[in-house]
Amino acid sequence: MELADWLEAAAHAARDIAIGPLGASVTGWESRATSALPSNLCGVYIPLVSEPLALQLGLLASHDVCVHLARALLGMTQDEALESDEDIFDALGEVTNLVAGGIKVRVADRCNVIL
């Protein structure tokens, strides 16, 4: 598989998770950035292993966006406080796992992905 195939699968999986579990009403996908990433990003990575390569799927954003995503996944209002950064990153890990599962399903006919 080519990188473009992985990116397309990731975009579709992320859109499905945004609309479903995260409750987003508007989604969009932009191609890879041509400039350097901001230095203040935080988030999680999980490995996607297949023959013959291994990829890292990352969900990175500013801390405020990470908090917003965690609240959305947990069904919290924007006024409700999360207990700790551990809760935020646990929720981000779940979102990343959901996206990874969507990728795995989308590429199953072309390769076997181990999460």
PDB file of N, CA and C in Angstrom:
ATOM      1  N   MET A   1       0.835  -1.184   0.000  1.00  0.00           N
ATOM      2  CA  MET A   1       0.000   0.000   0.000  1.00  0.00           C
ATOM      3  C   MET A   1       0.880   1.249   0.000  1.00  0.00           C
ATOM      4  N   GLU A   2       0.401   2.256  -0.645  1.00  0.00           N
ATOM      5  CA  GLU A   2       1.094   3.538  -0.707  1.00  0.00           C
ATOM      6  C   GLU A   2       0.667   4.418   0.464  1.00  0.00           C
ATOM      7  N   LEU A   3       1.472   5.417   0.773  1.00  0.00           N
ATOM      8  CA  LEU A   3       1.144   6.338   1.854  1.00  0.00           C
ATOM      9  C   LEU A   3      -0.212   7.004   1.632  1.00  0.00           C
ATOM     10  N   ALA A   4      -0.523   7.332   0.395  1.00  0.00           N
ATOM     11  CA  ALA A   4      -1.809   7.965   0.092  1.00  0.00           C
ATOM     12  C   ALA A   4      -2.982   7.059   0.489  1.00  0.00           C
ATOM     13  N   ASP A   5      -2.828   5.746   0.341  1.00  0.00           N
ATOM     14  CA  ASP A   5      -3.883   4.807   0.745  1.00  0.00           C
ATOM     15  C   ASP A   5      -4.090   4.832   2.257  1.00  0.00           C
ATOM     16  N   TRP A   6      -2.978   4.858   3.010  1.00  0.00           N
ATOM     17  CA  TRP A   6      -3.065   4.927   4.476  1.00  0.00           C
ATOM     18  C   TRP A   6      -3.719   6.233   4.911  1.00  0.00           C
ATOM     19  N   LEU A   7      -3.315   7.339   4.274  1.00  0.00           N
ATOM     20  CA  LEU A   7      -3.881   8.637   4.637  1.00  0.00           C
ATOM     21  C   LEU A   7      -5.376   8.712   4.329  1.00  0.00           C
ATOM     22  N   GLU A   8      -5.770   8.143   3.204  1.00  0.00           N
ATOM     23  CA  GLU A   8      -7.195   8.129   2.857  1.00  0.00           C
ATOM     24  C   GLU A   8      -7.987   7.303   3.865  1.00  0.00           C
ATOM     25  N   ALA A   9      -7.482   6.147   4.239  1.00  0.00           N
ATOM     26  CA  ALA A   9      -8.155   5.307   5.235  1.00  0.00           C
ATOM     27  C   ALA A   9      -8.234   6.033   6.570  1.00  0.00           C
ATOM     28  N   ALA A  10      -7.155   6.717   6.947  1.00  0.00           N
ATOM     29  CA  ALA A  10      -7.136   7.461   8.208  1.00  0.00           C
ATOM     30  C   ALA A  10      -8.140   8.611   8.190  1.00  0.00           C
ATOM     31  N   ALA A  11      -8.219   9.316   7.071  1.00  0.00           N
ATOM     32  CA  ALA A  11      -9.157  10.438   6.967  1.00  0.00           C
ATOM     33  C   ALA A  11     -10.598   9.965   7.098  1.00  0.00           C
ATOM     34  N   HIS A  12     -10.941   8.879   6.431  1.00  0.00           N
ATOM     35  CA  HIS A  12     -12.310   8.361   6.506  1.00  0.00           C
ATOM     36  C   HIS A  12     -12.630   7.826   7.901  1.00  0.00           C
ATOM     37  N   ALA A  13     -11.681   7.134   8.506  1.00  0.00           N
ATOM     38  CA  ALA A  13     -11.896   6.604   9.855  1.00  0.00           C
ATOM     39  C   ALA A  13     -12.054   7.740  10.852  1.00  0.00           C
ATOM     40  N   ALA A  14     -11.204   8.765  10.750  1.00  0.00           N
ATOM     41  CA  ALA A  14     -11.290   9.905  11.665  1.00  0.00           C
ATOM     42  C   ALA A  14     -12.612  10.644  11.500  1.00  0.00           C
ATOM     43  N   ARG A  15     -13.073  10.786  10.270  1.00  0.00           N
ATOM     44  CA  ARG A  15     -14.362  11.451  10.028  1.00  0.00           C
ATOM     45  C   ARG A  15     -15.493  10.670  10.682  1.00  0.00           C
ATOM     46  N   ASP A  16     -15.478   9.359  10.533  1.00  0.00           N
ATOM     47  CA  ASP A  16     -16.531   8.536  11.135  1.00  0.00           C
ATOM     48  C   ASP A  16     -16.546   8.666  12.658  1.00  0.00           C
ATOM     49  N   ILE A  17     -15.376   8.709  13.277  1.00  0.00           N
ATOM     50  CA  ILE A  17     -15.297   8.834  14.728  1.00  0.00           C
ATOM     51  C   ILE A  17     -15.712  10.237  15.151  1.00  0.00           C
ATOM     52  N   ALA A  18     -15.328  11.242  14.387  1.00  0.00           N
ATOM     53  CA  ALA A  18     -15.721  12.620  14.715  1.00  0.00           C
ATOM     54  C   ALA A  18     -17.235  12.776  14.682  1.00  0.00           C
ATOM     55  N   ILE A  19     -17.869  12.228  13.659  1.00  0.00           N
ATOM     56  CA  ILE A  19     -19.323  12.356  13.524  1.00  0.00           C
ATOM     57  C   ILE A  19     -20.055  11.475  14.527  1.00  0.00           C
ATOM     58  N   GLY A  20     -19.547  10.262  14.752  1.00  0.00           N
ATOM     59  CA  GLY A  20     -20.202   9.316  15.655  1.00  0.00           C
ATOM     60  C   GLY A  20     -19.936   9.611  17.116  1.00  0.00           C
ATOM     61  N   PRO A  21     -18.939   8.952  17.704  1.00  0.00           N
ATOM     62  CA  PRO A  21     -18.690   9.080  19.147  1.00  0.00           C
ATOM     63  C   PRO A  21     -18.389  10.496  19.633  1.00  0.00           C
ATOM     64  N   LEU A  22     -17.781  11.338  18.789  1.00  0.00           N
ATOM     65  CA  LEU A  22     -17.435  12.688  19.245  1.00  0.00           C
ATOM     66  C   LEU A  22     -18.534  13.709  18.981  1.00  0.00           C
ATOM     67  N   GLY A  23     -19.519  13.342  18.173  1.00  0.00           N
ATOM     68  CA  GLY A  23     -20.675  14.207  17.952  1.00  0.00           C
ATOM     69  C   GLY A  23     -20.413  15.468  17.151  1.00  0.00           C
ATOM     70  N   ALA A  24     -19.410  15.471  16.306  1.00  0.00           N
ATOM     71  CA  ALA A  24     -19.122  16.655  15.488  1.00  0.00           C
ATOM     72  C   ALA A  24     -20.186  16.806  14.407  1.00  0.00           C
ATOM     73  N   SER A  25     -20.557  18.042  14.150  1.00  0.00           N
ATOM     74  CA  SER A  25     -21.534  18.287  13.094  1.00  0.00           C
ATOM     75  C   SER A  25     -20.868  18.721  11.796  1.00  0.00           C
ATOM     76  N   VAL A  26     -19.624  19.168  11.878  1.00  0.00           N
ATOM     77  CA  VAL A  26     -18.885  19.607  10.705  1.00  0.00           C
ATOM     78  C   VAL A  26     -17.501  18.970  10.769  1.00  0.00           C
ATOM     79  N   THR A  27     -17.080  18.387   9.672  1.00  0.00           N
ATOM     80  CA  THR A  27     -15.733  17.815   9.599  1.00  0.00           C
ATOM     81  C   THR A  27     -15.061  18.256   8.315  1.00  0.00           C
ATOM     82  N   GLY A  28     -13.755  18.173   8.293  1.00  0.00           N
ATOM     83  CA  GLY A  28     -13.005  18.504   7.089  1.00  0.00           C
ATOM     84  C   GLY A  28     -11.671  17.804   7.121  1.00  0.00           C
ATOM     85  N   TRP A  29     -11.055  17.643   5.990  1.00  0.00           N
ATOM     86  CA  TRP A  29      -9.756  17.006   5.898  1.00  0.00           C
ATOM     87  C   TRP A  29      -8.899  17.846   4.986  1.00  0.00           C
ATOM     88  N   GLU A  30      -7.711  18.166   5.453  1.00  0.00           N
ATOM     89  CA  GLU A  30      -6.752  18.889   4.629  1.00  0.00           C
ATOM     90  C   GLU A  30      -5.550  17.992   4.422  1.00  0.00           C
ATOM     91  N   SER A  31      -4.928  18.143   3.284  1.00  0.00           N
ATOM     92  CA  SER A  31      -3.747  17.330   3.027  1.00  0.00           C
ATOM     93  C   SER A  31      -2.637  17.712   3.996  1.00  0.00           C
ATOM     94  N   ARG A  32      -1.579  16.953   3.962  1.00  0.00           N
ATOM     95  CA  ARG A  32      -0.473  17.185   4.881  1.00  0.00           C
ATOM     96  C   ARG A  32      -0.003  18.631   4.831  1.00  0.00           C
ATOM     97  N   ALA A  33       0.361  19.123   6.005  1.00  0.00           N
ATOM     98  CA  ALA A  33       0.860  20.495   6.107  1.00  0.00           C
ATOM     99  C   ALA A  33       2.197  20.634   5.391  1.00  0.00           C
ATOM    100  N   THR A  34       2.405  21.790   4.812  1.00  0.00           N
ATOM    101  CA  THR A  34       3.674  22.047   4.151  1.00  0.00           C
ATOM    102  C   THR A  34       4.617  22.808   5.074  1.00  0.00           C
ATOM    103  N   SER A  35       4.114  23.286   6.202  1.00  0.00           N
ATOM    104  CA  SER A  35       4.974  23.989   7.148  1.00  0.00           C
ATOM    105  C   SER A  35       5.237  23.095   8.360  1.00  0.00           C
ATOM    106  N   ALA A  36       6.164  23.502   9.182  1.00  0.00           N
ATOM    107  CA  ALA A  36       6.513  22.733  10.379  1.00  0.00           C
ATOM    108  C   ALA A  36       5.348  22.735  11.363  1.00  0.00           C
ATOM    109  N   LEU A  37       5.231  21.646  12.117  1.00  0.00           N
ATOM    110  CA  LEU A  37       4.189  21.563  13.138  1.00  0.00           C
ATOM    111  C   LEU A  37       4.498  22.524  14.280  1.00  0.00           C
ATOM    112  N   PRO A  38       3.461  23.056  14.933  1.00  0.00           N
ATOM    113  CA  PRO A  38       3.696  23.903  16.109  1.00  0.00           C
ATOM    114  C   PRO A  38       4.421  23.110  17.191  1.00  0.00           C
ATOM    115  N   SER A  39       5.137  23.802  18.034  1.00  0.00           N
ATOM    116  CA  SER A  39       5.922  23.125  19.070  1.00  0.00           C
ATOM    117  C   SER A  39       5.102  22.800  20.319  1.00  0.00           C
ATOM    118  N   ASN A  40       3.908  23.313  20.444  1.00  0.00           N
ATOM    119  CA  ASN A  40       3.125  23.127  21.667  1.00  0.00           C
ATOM    120  C   ASN A  40       2.074  22.019  21.563  1.00  0.00           C
ATOM    121  N   LEU A  41       2.311  21.022  20.734  1.00  0.00           N
ATOM    122  CA  LEU A  41       1.349  19.946  20.564  1.00  0.00           C
ATOM    123  C   LEU A  41       1.528  18.878  21.635  1.00  0.00           C
ATOM    124  N   CYS A  42       0.417  18.268  22.025  1.00  0.00           N
ATOM    125  CA  CYS A  42       0.469  17.105  22.909  1.00  0.00           C
ATOM    126  C   CYS A  42      -0.538  16.093  22.360  1.00  0.00           C
ATOM    127  N   GLY A  43      -0.483  14.869  22.854  1.00  0.00           N
ATOM    128  CA  GLY A  43      -1.393  13.849  22.362  1.00  0.00           C
ATOM    129  C   GLY A  43      -0.848  12.463  22.587  1.00  0.00           C
ATOM    130  N   VAL A  44      -1.309  11.526  21.772  1.00  0.00           N
ATOM    131  CA  VAL A  44      -0.922  10.130  21.919  1.00  0.00           C
ATOM    132  C   VAL A  44      -0.572   9.534  20.551  1.00  0.00           C
ATOM    133  N   TYR A  45       0.230   8.485  20.593  1.00  0.00           N
ATOM    134  CA  TYR A  45       0.581   7.688  19.416  1.00  0.00           C
ATOM    135  C   TYR A  45       0.285   6.234  19.725  1.00  0.00           C
ATOM    136  N   ILE A  46      -0.147   5.503  18.708  1.00  0.00           N
ATOM    137  CA  ILE A  46      -0.244   4.054  18.836  1.00  0.00           C
ATOM    138  C   ILE A  46       0.341   3.424  17.575  1.00  0.00           C
ATOM    139  N   PRO A  47       0.935   2.246  17.705  1.00  0.00           N
ATOM    140  CA  PRO A  47       1.530   1.598  16.527  1.00  0.00           C
ATOM    141  C   PRO A  47       0.482   0.863  15.701  1.00  0.00           C
ATOM    142  N   LEU A  48       0.663   0.905  14.394  1.00  0.00           N
ATOM    143  CA  LEU A  48      -0.083   0.086  13.443  1.00  0.00           C
ATOM    144  C   LEU A  48       0.966  -0.763  12.737  1.00  0.00           C
ATOM    145  N   VAL A  49       0.958  -2.045  12.959  1.00  0.00           N
ATOM    146  CA  VAL A  49       1.978  -2.928  12.406  1.00  0.00           C
ATOM    147  C   VAL A  49       1.348  -3.796  11.326  1.00  0.00           C
ATOM    148  N   SER A  50       2.000  -3.841  10.183  1.00  0.00           N
ATOM    149  CA  SER A  50       1.573  -4.707   9.082  1.00  0.00           C
ATOM    150  C   SER A  50       2.823  -5.204   8.381  1.00  0.00           C
ATOM    151  N   GLU A  51       2.652  -6.148   7.483  1.00  0.00           N
ATOM    152  CA  GLU A  51       3.775  -6.601   6.671  1.00  0.00           C
ATOM    153  C   GLU A  51       3.868  -5.674   5.472  1.00  0.00           C
ATOM    154  N   PRO A  52       4.925  -5.100   5.174  1.00  0.00           N
ATOM    155  CA  PRO A  52       6.261  -5.203   5.742  1.00  0.00           C
ATOM    156  C   PRO A  52       6.635  -3.979   6.580  1.00  0.00           C
ATOM    157  N   LEU A  53       5.684  -3.152   7.025  1.00  0.00           N
ATOM    158  CA  LEU A  53       6.069  -1.929   7.709  1.00  0.00           C
ATOM    159  C   LEU A  53       5.274  -1.690   8.983  1.00  0.00           C
ATOM    160  N   ALA A  54       5.759  -0.744   9.752  1.00  0.00           N
ATOM    161  CA  ALA A  54       5.078  -0.312  10.970  1.00  0.00           C
ATOM    162  C   ALA A  54       4.895   1.196  10.892  1.00  0.00           C
ATOM    163  N   LEU A  55       3.713   1.647  11.254  1.00  0.00           N
ATOM    164  CA  LEU A  55       3.394   3.070  11.248  1.00  0.00           C
ATOM    165  C   LEU A  55       3.009   3.504  12.656  1.00  0.00           C
ATOM    166  N   GLN A  56       3.090   4.783  12.918  1.00  0.00           N
ATOM    167  CA  GLN A  56       2.607   5.350  14.160  1.00  0.00           C
ATOM    168  C   GLN A  56       1.418   6.237  13.825  1.00  0.00           C
ATOM    169  N   LEU A  57       0.276   5.976  14.457  1.00  0.00           N
ATOM    170  CA  LEU A  57      -0.900   6.815  14.299  1.00  0.00           C
ATOM    171  C   LEU A  57      -0.922   7.762  15.484  1.00  0.00           C
ATOM    172  N   GLY A  58      -0.892   9.040  15.223  1.00  0.00           N
ATOM    173  CA  GLY A  58      -0.868  10.025  16.300  1.00  0.00           C
ATOM    174  C   GLY A  58      -2.067  10.937  16.251  1.00  0.00           C
ATOM    175  N   LEU A  59      -2.536  11.302  17.426  1.00  0.00           N
ATOM    176  CA  LEU A  59      -3.570  12.315  17.577  1.00  0.00           C
ATOM    177  C   LEU A  59      -2.924  13.433  18.376  1.00  0.00           C
ATOM    178  N   LEU A  60      -2.596  14.527  17.703  1.00  0.00           N
ATOM    179  CA  LEU A  60      -1.874  15.636  18.312  1.00  0.00           C
ATOM    180  C   LEU A  60      -2.652  16.925  18.146  1.00  0.00           C
ATOM    181  N   ALA A  61      -2.647  17.726  19.201  1.00  0.00           N
ATOM    182  CA  ALA A  61      -3.334  19.018  19.174  1.00  0.00           C
ATOM    183  C   ALA A  61      -2.830  19.850  20.343  1.00  0.00           C
ATOM    184  N   SER A  62      -3.272  21.080  20.405  1.00  0.00           N
ATOM    185  CA  SER A  62      -2.960  21.894  21.579  1.00  0.00           C
ATOM    186  C   SER A  62      -3.661  21.272  22.791  1.00  0.00           C
ATOM    187  N   HIS A  63      -3.202  21.607  23.975  1.00  0.00           N
ATOM    188  CA  HIS A  63      -3.801  21.037  25.188  1.00  0.00           C
ATOM    189  C   HIS A  63      -5.293  21.358  25.259  1.00  0.00           C
ATOM    190  N   ASP A  64      -5.683  22.579  24.896  1.00  0.00           N
ATOM    191  CA  ASP A  64      -7.105  22.967  24.929  1.00  0.00           C
ATOM    192  C   ASP A  64      -7.948  22.094  24.007  1.00  0.00           C
ATOM    193  N   VAL A  65      -7.441  21.787  22.824  1.00  0.00           N
ATOM    194  CA  VAL A  65      -8.171  20.925  21.895  1.00  0.00           C
ATOM    195  C   VAL A  65      -8.238  19.504  22.440  1.00  0.00           C
ATOM    196  N   CYS A  66      -7.168  19.034  23.050  1.00  0.00           N
ATOM    197  CA  CYS A  66      -7.175  17.698  23.661  1.00  0.00           C
ATOM    198  C   CYS A  66      -8.247  17.608  24.743  1.00  0.00           C
ATOM    199  N   VAL A  67      -8.357  18.650  25.563  1.00  0.00           N
ATOM    200  CA  VAL A  67      -9.391  18.693  26.606  1.00  0.00           C
ATOM    201  C   VAL A  67     -10.777  18.659  25.958  1.00  0.00           C
ATOM    202  N   HIS A  68     -10.959  19.419  24.899  1.00  0.00           N
ATOM    203  CA  HIS A  68     -12.245  19.461  24.198  1.00  0.00           C
ATOM    204  C   HIS A  68     -12.607  18.078  23.636  1.00  0.00           C
ATOM    205  N   LEU A  69     -11.654  17.399  23.022  1.00  0.00           N
ATOM    206  CA  LEU A  69     -11.906  16.060  22.481  1.00  0.00           C
ATOM    207  C   LEU A  69     -12.242  15.064  23.594  1.00  0.00           C
ATOM    208  N   ALA A  70     -11.526  15.143  24.705  1.00  0.00           N
ATOM    209  CA  ALA A  70     -11.793  14.238  25.827  1.00  0.00           C
ATOM    210  C   ALA A  70     -13.203  14.460  26.362  1.00  0.00           C
ATOM    211  N   ARG A  71     -13.593  15.719  26.532  1.00  0.00           N
ATOM    212  CA  ARG A  71     -14.953  16.012  27.008  1.00  0.00           C
ATOM    213  C   ARG A  71     -15.999  15.491  26.025  1.00  0.00           C
ATOM    214  N   ALA A  72     -15.751  15.658  24.735  1.00  0.00           N
ATOM    215  CA  ALA A  72     -16.706  15.180  23.730  1.00  0.00           C
ATOM    216  C   ALA A  72     -16.869  13.672  23.814  1.00  0.00           C
ATOM    217  N   LEU A  73     -15.761  12.944  23.930  1.00  0.00           N
ATOM    218  CA  LEU A  73     -15.842  11.488  24.010  1.00  0.00           C
ATOM    219  C   LEU A  73     -16.582  11.045  25.265  1.00  0.00           C
ATOM    220  N   LEU A  74     -16.356  11.747  26.364  1.00  0.00           N
ATOM    221  CA  LEU A  74     -16.962  11.369  27.643  1.00  0.00           C
ATOM    222  C   LEU A  74     -18.366  11.943  27.842  1.00  0.00           C
ATOM    223  N   GLY A  75     -18.866  12.685  26.850  1.00  0.00           N
ATOM    224  CA  GLY A  75     -20.216  13.240  26.936  1.00  0.00           C
ATOM    225  C   GLY A  75     -20.340  14.350  27.958  1.00  0.00           C
ATOM    226  N   MET A  76     -19.267  15.070  28.180  1.00  0.00           N
ATOM    227  CA  MET A  76     -19.253  16.155  29.161  1.00  0.00           C
ATOM    228  C   MET A  76     -19.516  17.485  28.475  1.00  0.00           C
ATOM    229  N   THR A  77     -20.045  18.435  29.244  1.00  0.00           N
ATOM    230  CA  THR A  77     -20.184  19.795  28.729  1.00  0.00           C
ATOM    231  C   THR A  77     -18.842  20.499  28.835  1.00  0.00           C
ATOM    232  N   GLN A  78     -18.716  21.611  28.164  1.00  0.00           N
ATOM    233  CA  GLN A  78     -17.463  22.373  28.201  1.00  0.00           C
ATOM    234  C   GLN A  78     -17.216  23.009  29.569  1.00  0.00           C
ATOM    235  N   ASP A  79     -18.239  23.054  30.418  1.00  0.00           N
ATOM    236  CA  ASP A  79     -18.080  23.609  31.761  1.00  0.00           C
ATOM    237  C   ASP A  79     -17.619  22.577  32.774  1.00  0.00           C
ATOM    238  N   GLU A  80     -17.733  21.297  32.433  1.00  0.00           N
ATOM    239  CA  GLU A  80     -17.330  20.248  33.365  1.00  0.00           C
ATOM    240  C   GLU A  80     -15.809  20.058  33.316  1.00  0.00           C
ATOM    241  N   ALA A  81     -15.244  19.899  34.500  1.00  0.00           N
ATOM    242  CA  ALA A  81     -13.791  19.733  34.601  1.00  0.00           C
ATOM    243  C   ALA A  81     -13.405  18.257  34.549  1.00  0.00           C
ATOM    244  N   LEU A  82     -12.310  17.990  33.889  1.00  0.00           N
ATOM    245  CA  LEU A  82     -11.722  16.652  33.901  1.00  0.00           C
ATOM    246  C   LEU A  82     -10.811  16.556  35.123  1.00  0.00           C
ATOM    247  N   GLU A  83     -10.719  15.370  35.671  1.00  0.00           N
ATOM    248  CA  GLU A  83      -9.941  15.169  36.897  1.00  0.00           C
ATOM    249  C   GLU A  83      -8.462  15.497  36.727  1.00  0.00           C
ATOM    250  N   SER A  84      -7.866  15.039  35.634  1.00  0.00           N
ATOM    251  CA  SER A  84      -6.414  15.190  35.485  1.00  0.00           C
ATOM    252  C   SER A  84      -6.023  15.046  34.020  1.00  0.00           C
ATOM    253  N   ASP A  85      -4.763  15.348  33.746  1.00  0.00           N
ATOM    254  CA  ASP A  85      -4.240  15.119  32.394  1.00  0.00           C
ATOM    255  C   ASP A  85      -4.285  13.642  32.044  1.00  0.00           C
ATOM    256  N   GLU A  86      -4.170  12.782  33.040  1.00  0.00           N
ATOM    257  CA  GLU A  86      -4.257  11.335  32.780  1.00  0.00           C
ATOM    258  C   GLU A  86      -5.602  10.978  32.164  1.00  0.00           C
ATOM    259  N   ASP A  87      -6.681  11.586  32.665  1.00  0.00           N
ATOM    260  CA  ASP A  87      -8.009  11.346  32.095  1.00  0.00           C
ATOM    261  C   ASP A  87      -8.097  11.856  30.661  1.00  0.00           C
ATOM    262  N   ILE A  88      -7.487  12.995  30.418  1.00  0.00           N
ATOM    263  CA  ILE A  88      -7.493  13.572  29.068  1.00  0.00           C
ATOM    264  C   ILE A  88      -6.790  12.628  28.104  1.00  0.00           C
ATOM    265  N   PHE A  89      -5.603  12.157  28.480  1.00  0.00           N
ATOM    266  CA  PHE A  89      -4.836  11.323  27.569  1.00  0.00           C
ATOM    267  C   PHE A  89      -5.387   9.907  27.469  1.00  0.00           C
ATOM    268  N   ASP A  90      -6.063   9.421  28.501  1.00  0.00           N
ATOM    269  CA  ASP A  90      -6.780   8.141  28.384  1.00  0.00           C
ATOM    270  C   ASP A  90      -7.883   8.255  27.337  1.00  0.00           C
ATOM    271  N   ALA A  91      -8.633   9.360  27.376  1.00  0.00           N
ATOM    272  CA  ALA A  91      -9.703   9.572  26.399  1.00  0.00           C
ATOM    273  C   ALA A  91      -9.128   9.718  24.991  1.00  0.00           C
ATOM    274  N   LEU A  92      -8.029  10.457  24.852  1.00  0.00           N
ATOM    275  CA  LEU A  92      -7.388  10.585  23.536  1.00  0.00           C
ATOM    276  C   LEU A  92      -6.900   9.247  23.023  1.00  0.00           C
ATOM    277  N   GLY A  93      -6.404   8.407  23.929  1.00  0.00           N
ATOM    278  CA  GLY A  93      -5.992   7.062  23.535  1.00  0.00           C
ATOM    279  C   GLY A  93      -7.158   6.257  22.996  1.00  0.00           C
ATOM    280  N   GLU A  94      -8.323   6.417  23.628  1.00  0.00           N
ATOM    281  CA  GLU A  94      -9.525   5.723  23.140  1.00  0.00           C
ATOM    282  C   GLU A  94      -9.925   6.226  21.754  1.00  0.00           C
ATOM    283  N   VAL A  95      -9.890   7.528  21.556  1.00  0.00           N
ATOM    284  CA  VAL A  95     -10.220   8.091  20.240  1.00  0.00           C
ATOM    285  C   VAL A  95      -9.242   7.553  19.196  1.00  0.00           C
ATOM    286  N   THR A  96      -7.966   7.530  19.528  1.00  0.00           N
ATOM    287  CA  THR A  96      -6.946   7.032  18.604  1.00  0.00           C
ATOM    288  C   THR A  96      -7.165   5.555  18.301  1.00  0.00           C
ATOM    289  N   ASN A  97      -7.524   4.779  19.309  1.00  0.00           N
ATOM    290  CA  ASN A  97      -7.831   3.356  19.087  1.00  0.00           C
ATOM    291  C   ASN A  97      -9.037   3.182  18.178  1.00  0.00           C
ATOM    292  N   LEU A  98     -10.046   4.024  18.337  1.00  0.00           N
ATOM    293  CA  LEU A  98     -11.224   3.951  17.465  1.00  0.00           C
ATOM    294  C   LEU A  98     -10.840   4.245  16.015  1.00  0.00           C
ATOM    295  N   VAL A  99     -10.020   5.269  15.823  1.00  0.00           N
ATOM    296  CA  VAL A  99      -9.564   5.596  14.461  1.00  0.00           C
ATOM    297  C   VAL A  99      -8.728   4.446  13.898  1.00  0.00           C
ATOM    298  N   ALA A 100      -7.828   3.898  14.720  1.00  0.00           N
ATOM    299  CA  ALA A 100      -6.996   2.776  14.269  1.00  0.00           C
ATOM    300  C   ALA A 100      -7.863   1.589  13.853  1.00  0.00           C
ATOM    301  N   GLY A 101      -8.908   1.303  14.611  1.00  0.00           N
ATOM    302  CA  GLY A 101      -9.819   0.221  14.247  1.00  0.00           C
ATOM    303  C   GLY A 101     -10.491   0.477  12.914  1.00  0.00           C
ATOM    304  N   GLY A 102     -10.872   1.738  12.684  1.00  0.00           N
ATOM    305  CA  GLY A 102     -11.468   2.097  11.399  1.00  0.00           C
ATOM    306  C   GLY A 102     -10.501   1.938  10.253  1.00  0.00           C
ATOM    307  N   ILE A 103      -9.236   2.277  10.479  1.00  0.00           N
ATOM    308  CA  ILE A 103      -8.212   2.083   9.445  1.00  0.00           C
ATOM    309  C   ILE A 103      -8.048   0.598   9.161  1.00  0.00           C
ATOM    310  N   LYS A 104      -7.959  -0.184  10.220  1.00  0.00           N
ATOM    311  CA  LYS A 104      -7.764  -1.636  10.069  1.00  0.00           C
ATOM    312  C   LYS A 104      -8.872  -2.247   9.209  1.00  0.00           C
ATOM    313  N   VAL A 105     -10.096  -1.845   9.444  1.00  0.00           N
ATOM    314  CA  VAL A 105     -11.232  -2.354   8.662  1.00  0.00           C
ATOM    315  C   VAL A 105     -11.101  -1.932   7.201  1.00  0.00           C
ATOM    316  N   ARG A 106     -10.733  -0.676   6.972  1.00  0.00           N
ATOM    317  CA  ARG A 106     -10.668  -0.152   5.610  1.00  0.00           C
ATOM    318  C   ARG A 106      -9.555  -0.769   4.767  1.00  0.00           C
ATOM    319  N   VAL A 107      -8.483  -1.212   5.403  1.00  0.00           N
ATOM    320  CA  VAL A 107      -7.368  -1.765   4.618  1.00  0.00           C
ATOM    321  C   VAL A 107      -7.294  -3.294   4.708  1.00  0.00           C
ATOM    322  N   ALA A 108      -8.255  -3.925   5.357  1.00  0.00           N
ATOM    323  CA  ALA A 108      -8.212  -5.370   5.601  1.00  0.00           C
ATOM    324  C   ALA A 108      -8.086  -6.188   4.319  1.00  0.00           C
ATOM    325  N   ASP A 109      -8.645  -5.716   3.227  1.00  0.00           N
ATOM    326  CA  ASP A 109      -8.566  -6.478   1.988  1.00  0.00           C
ATOM    327  C   ASP A 109      -7.190  -6.355   1.314  1.00  0.00           C
ATOM    328  N   ARG A 110      -6.358  -5.424   1.784  1.00  0.00           N
ATOM    329  CA  ARG A 110      -5.039  -5.207   1.181  1.00  0.00           C
ATOM    330  C   ARG A 110      -3.882  -5.606   2.094  1.00  0.00           C
ATOM    331  N   CYS A 111      -4.106  -5.578   3.401  1.00  0.00           N
ATOM    332  CA  CYS A 111      -3.044  -5.975   4.328  1.00  0.00           C
ATOM    333  C   CYS A 111      -3.632  -6.270   5.704  1.00  0.00           C
ATOM    334  N   ASN A 112      -2.879  -6.993   6.501  1.00  0.00           N
ATOM    335  CA  ASN A 112      -3.290  -7.355   7.848  1.00  0.00           C
ATOM    336  C   ASN A 112      -2.607  -6.397   8.823  1.00  0.00           C
ATOM    337  N   VAL A 113      -3.410  -5.618   9.557  1.00  0.00           N
ATOM    338  CA  VAL A 113      -2.884  -4.657  10.525  1.00  0.00           C
ATOM    339  C   VAL A 113      -3.057  -5.216  11.914  1.00  0.00           C
ATOM    340  N   ILE A 114      -2.000  -5.143  12.698  1.00  0.00           N
ATOM    341  CA  ILE A 114      -2.040  -5.580  14.086  1.00  0.00           C
ATOM    342  C   ILE A 114      -1.992  -4.334  14.953  1.00  0.00           C
ATOM    343  N   LEU A 115      -2.972  -4.219  15.834  1.00  0.00           N
ATOM    344  CA  LEU A 115      -3.006  -3.061  16.743  1.00  0.00           C
ATOM    345  C   LEU A 115      -2.406  -3.425  18.073  1.00  0.00           C
TER     346      LEU A 115
END
